[in-house]
C-alpha atoms as a PDB file:
ATOM      1  CA  UNK A   1     -11.279   2.949  -0.845  1.00  0.00           C
ATOM      2  CA  UNK A   2     -13.308   5.531  -1.800  1.00  0.00           C
ATOM      3  CA  UNK A   3     -11.186   8.207  -3.882  1.00  0.00           C
ATOM      4  CA  UNK A   4     -10.466  12.245  -2.121  1.00  0.00           C
ATOM      5  CA  UNK A   5     -10.406  10.669   0.922  1.00  0.00           C
ATOM      6  CA  UNK A   6      -7.131   9.720   3.115  1.00  0.00           C
ATOM      7  CA  UNK A   7      -7.514   5.850   3.883  1.00  0.00           C
ATOM      8  CA  UNK A   8      -4.988   3.905   6.419  1.00  0.00           C
ATOM      9  CA  UNK A   9      -3.573   0.187   4.479  1.00  0.00           C
ATOM     10  CA  UNK A  10      -2.470  -1.475   6.668  1.00  0.00           C
ATOM     11  CA  UNK A  11      -0.957  -5.706   6.043  1.00  0.00           C
ATOM     12  CA  UNK A  12      -0.523  -7.921   7.913  1.00  0.00           C
ATOM     13  CA  UNK A  13       2.567 -10.150   7.324  1.00  0.00           C
ATOM     14  CA  UNK A  14       3.354 -14.126   7.897  1.00  0.00           C
ATOM     15  CA  UNK A  15       4.815 -14.712  11.334  1.00  0.00           C
ATOM     16  CA  UNK A  16       7.824 -16.575  10.210  1.00  0.00           C
ATOM     17  CA  UNK A  17       8.545 -13.020   8.729  1.00  0.00           C
ATOM     18  CA  UNK A  18       9.909 -10.341  11.115  1.00  0.00           C
ATOM     19  CA  UNK A  19       8.752  -6.512   9.765  1.00  0.00           C
ATOM     20  CA  UNK A  20      12.533  -5.577  11.487  1.00  0.00           C
ATOM     21  CA  UNK A  21      14.287  -8.061   9.393  1.00  0.00           C
ATOM     22  CA  UNK A  22      13.031  -6.338   5.698  1.00  0.00           C
ATOM     23  CA  UNK A  23      15.789  -3.941   4.579  1.00  0.00           C
ATOM     24  CA  UNK A  24      13.356  -2.968   1.326  1.00  0.00           C
ATOM     25  CA  UNK A  25       9.810  -2.958   1.055  1.00  0.00           C
ATOM     26  CA  UNK A  26       7.938  -1.599  -2.204  1.00  0.00           C
ATOM     27  CA  UNK A  27       3.807  -2.018  -1.525  1.00  0.00           C
ATOM     28  CA  UNK A  28       3.000  -1.195  -5.228  1.00  0.00           C
ATOM     29  CA  UNK A  29      -0.822  -0.380  -6.342  1.00  0.00           C
ATOM     30  CA  UNK A  30      -1.783  -0.765 -10.037  1.00  0.00           C
ATOM     31  CA  UNK A  31      -4.764   0.583 -11.581  1.00  0.00           C
ATOM     32  CA  UNK A  32      -5.179   0.003 -15.786  1.00  0.00           C
ATOM     33  CA  UNK A  33      -4.485   3.685 -15.521  1.00  0.00           C
ATOM     34  CA  UNK A  34      -1.665   4.605 -12.659  1.00  0.00           C
ATOM     35  CA  UNK A  35       0.564   2.723 -10.488  1.00  0.00           C
ATOM     36  CA  UNK A  36       1.598   3.831  -7.368  1.00  0.00           C
ATOM     37  CA  UNK A  37       4.900   2.737  -5.351  1.00  0.00           C
ATOM     38  CA  UNK A  38       5.288   2.761  -1.007  1.00  0.00           C
ATOM     39  CA  UNK A  39       8.763   2.041  -0.326  1.00  0.00           C
ATOM     40  CA  UNK A  40      10.251   1.525   3.136  1.00  0.00           C
ATOM     41  CA  UNK A  41      10.460   5.716   3.509  1.00  0.00           C
ATOM     42  CA  UNK A  42       6.739   5.374   3.387  1.00  0.00           C
ATOM     43  CA  UNK A  43       5.466   2.970   5.701  1.00  0.00           C
ATOM     44  CA  UNK A  44       5.439   2.279   9.364  1.00  0.00           C
ATOM     45  CA  UNK A  45       6.350  -0.728  10.203  1.00  0.00           C
ATOM     46  CA  UNK A  46       5.271  -2.587  13.420  1.00  0.00           C
ATOM     47  CA  UNK A  47       7.055  -5.298  15.051  1.00  0.00           C
ATOM     48  CA  UNK A  48       4.858  -6.318  17.716  1.00  0.00           C
ATOM     49  CA  UNK A  49       1.175  -7.378  15.526  1.00  0.00           C
ATOM     50  CA  UNK A  50       4.186  -7.364  12.527  1.00  0.00           C
ATOM     51  CA  UNK A  51       2.293  -5.250  10.338  1.00  0.00           C
ATOM     52  CA  UNK A  52       2.968  -2.655   7.691  1.00  0.00           C
ATOM     53  CA  UNK A  53       1.041   0.403   7.766  1.00  0.00           C
ATOM     54  CA  UNK A  54       0.307   3.094   4.749  1.00  0.00           C
ATOM     55  CA  UNK A  55      -1.311   6.495   5.447  1.00  0.00           C
ATOM     56  CA  UNK A  56      -2.291   7.728   1.699  1.00  0.00           C
ATOM     57  CA  UNK A  57      -3.450  11.411   1.577  1.00  0.00           C
ATOM     58  CA  UNK A  58      -6.348  12.915  -0.528  1.00  0.00           C
ATOM     59  CA  UNK A  59      -3.675  13.435  -3.481  1.00  0.00           C
ATOM     60  CA  UNK A  60      -2.637   9.650  -2.898  1.00  0.00           C
ATOM     61  CA  UNK A  61      -6.366   8.498  -3.948  1.00  0.00           C
ATOM     62  CA  UNK A  62      -7.298  11.147  -6.014  1.00  0.00           C
ATOM     63  CA  UNK A  63      -4.468  10.193  -8.503  1.00  0.00           C
ATOM     64  CA  UNK A  64      -6.615   6.699  -9.529  1.00  0.00           C
ATOM     65  CA  UNK A  65     -10.098   7.212 -11.499  1.00  0.00           C
ATOM     66  CA  UNK A  66     -12.378   4.034  -9.659  1.00  0.00           C
ATOM     67  CA  UNK A  67     -12.674   0.676 -10.396  1.00  0.00           C
ATOM     68  CA  UNK A  68     -10.223  -1.691  -9.542  1.00  0.00           C
ATOM     69  CA  UNK A  69      -7.400  -1.247  -7.548  1.00  0.00           C
ATOM     70  CA  UNK A  70      -4.564  -4.367  -7.712  1.00  0.00           C
ATOM     71  CA  UNK A  71      -1.933  -3.967  -5.302  1.00  0.00           C
ATOM     72  CA  UNK A  72       0.872  -6.211  -4.089  1.00  0.00           C
ATOM     73  CA  UNK A  73       3.947  -6.052  -1.864  1.00  0.00           C
ATOM     74  CA  UNK A  74       7.157  -6.641  -2.644  1.00  0.00           C
ATOM     75  CA  UNK A  75      10.333  -7.408   0.504  1.00  0.00           C
ATOM     76  CA  UNK A  76      14.001  -7.447   0.697  1.00  0.00           C
ATOM     77  CA  UNK A  77      15.381  -9.526   3.798  1.00  0.00           C
ATOM     78  CA  UNK A  78      18.846  -8.007   5.189  1.00  0.00           C
ATOM     79  CA  UNK A  79      19.979 -12.016   4.430  1.00  0.00           C
ATOM     80  CA  UNK A  80      18.984 -10.437   0.322  1.00  0.00           C
ATOM     81  CA  UNK A  81      15.907 -12.792   0.663  1.00  0.00           C
ATOM     82  CA  UNK A  82      13.616 -11.722  -2.318  1.00  0.00           C
ATOM     83  CA  UNK A  83       9.673 -12.664  -0.951  1.00  0.00           C
ATOM     84  CA  UNK A  84       6.224 -11.095  -2.637  1.00  0.00           C
ATOM     85  CA  UNK A  85       2.638 -11.505  -0.915  1.00  0.00           C
ATOM     86  CA  UNK A  86       0.112 -12.442  -4.007  1.00  0.00           C
ATOM     87  CA  UNK A  87      -1.898  -9.849  -6.385  1.00  0.00           C
ATOM     88  CA  UNK A  88      -4.696  -8.619  -3.392  1.00  0.00           C
ATOM     89  CA  UNK A  89      -7.531  -6.283  -5.636  1.00  0.00           C
ATOM     90  CA  UNK A  90     -10.030  -3.956  -3.715  1.00  0.00           C
ATOM     91  CA  UNK A  91     -12.174  -1.640  -5.251  1.00  0.00           C
ATOM     92  CA  UNK A  92     -12.014   2.398  -5.380  1.00  0.00           C
ATOM     93  CA  UNK A  93     -15.007   4.091  -5.318  1.00  0.00           C
ATOM     94  CA  UNK A  94     -15.884   7.577  -7.104  1.00  0.00           C
ATOM     95  CA  UNK A  95     -16.524  10.908  -5.680  1.00  0.00           C
ATOM     96  CA  UNK A  96     -19.051  13.343  -6.653  1.00  0.00           C
ATOM     97  CA  UNK A  97     -17.123  16.181  -6.216  1.00  0.00           C
ATOM     98  CA  UNK A  98     -13.602  16.300  -7.131  1.00  0.00           C
ATOM     99  CA  UNK A  99     -10.332  17.760  -6.213  1.00  0.00           C
ATOM    100  CA  UNK A 100      -8.689  18.000  -2.574  1.00  0.00           C
ATOM    101  CA  UNK A 101     -11.185  19.112   0.136  1.00  0.00           C
ATOM    102  CA  UNK A 102      -9.993  22.140   2.807  1.00  0.00           C
END
C-alpha cells in the first residue's frame, strides 16, 4: 500500500465459513503508532466468491506513517462462534508530498 492512496483490500475467506453467516466482522490494521478497525457496516461482503472487501480513503492511509502494518480479521457468526484469522503483514510506502490530493 501507499500512503495517500485509495486502496481496495480484498480478503478471501475459507470455504467452510460463509460471509453471509457473519453477524459482526472486525478488520483491524495496526502499525506501531496507529490502529484502525473497520466493522461489518464498513465492509462489502460478496457471498458468490466469499470475500470481504474494504475501500480505504486517502484519509485512512494518511493516518498511518510508512512502514509495516499488521492486519487481522475477527468474526462472530450468527450462531455466536468467534473466529480470527492469522495476523497478516504488509508494508506501507511513503509519499513525497503529504496531504489529500483534490
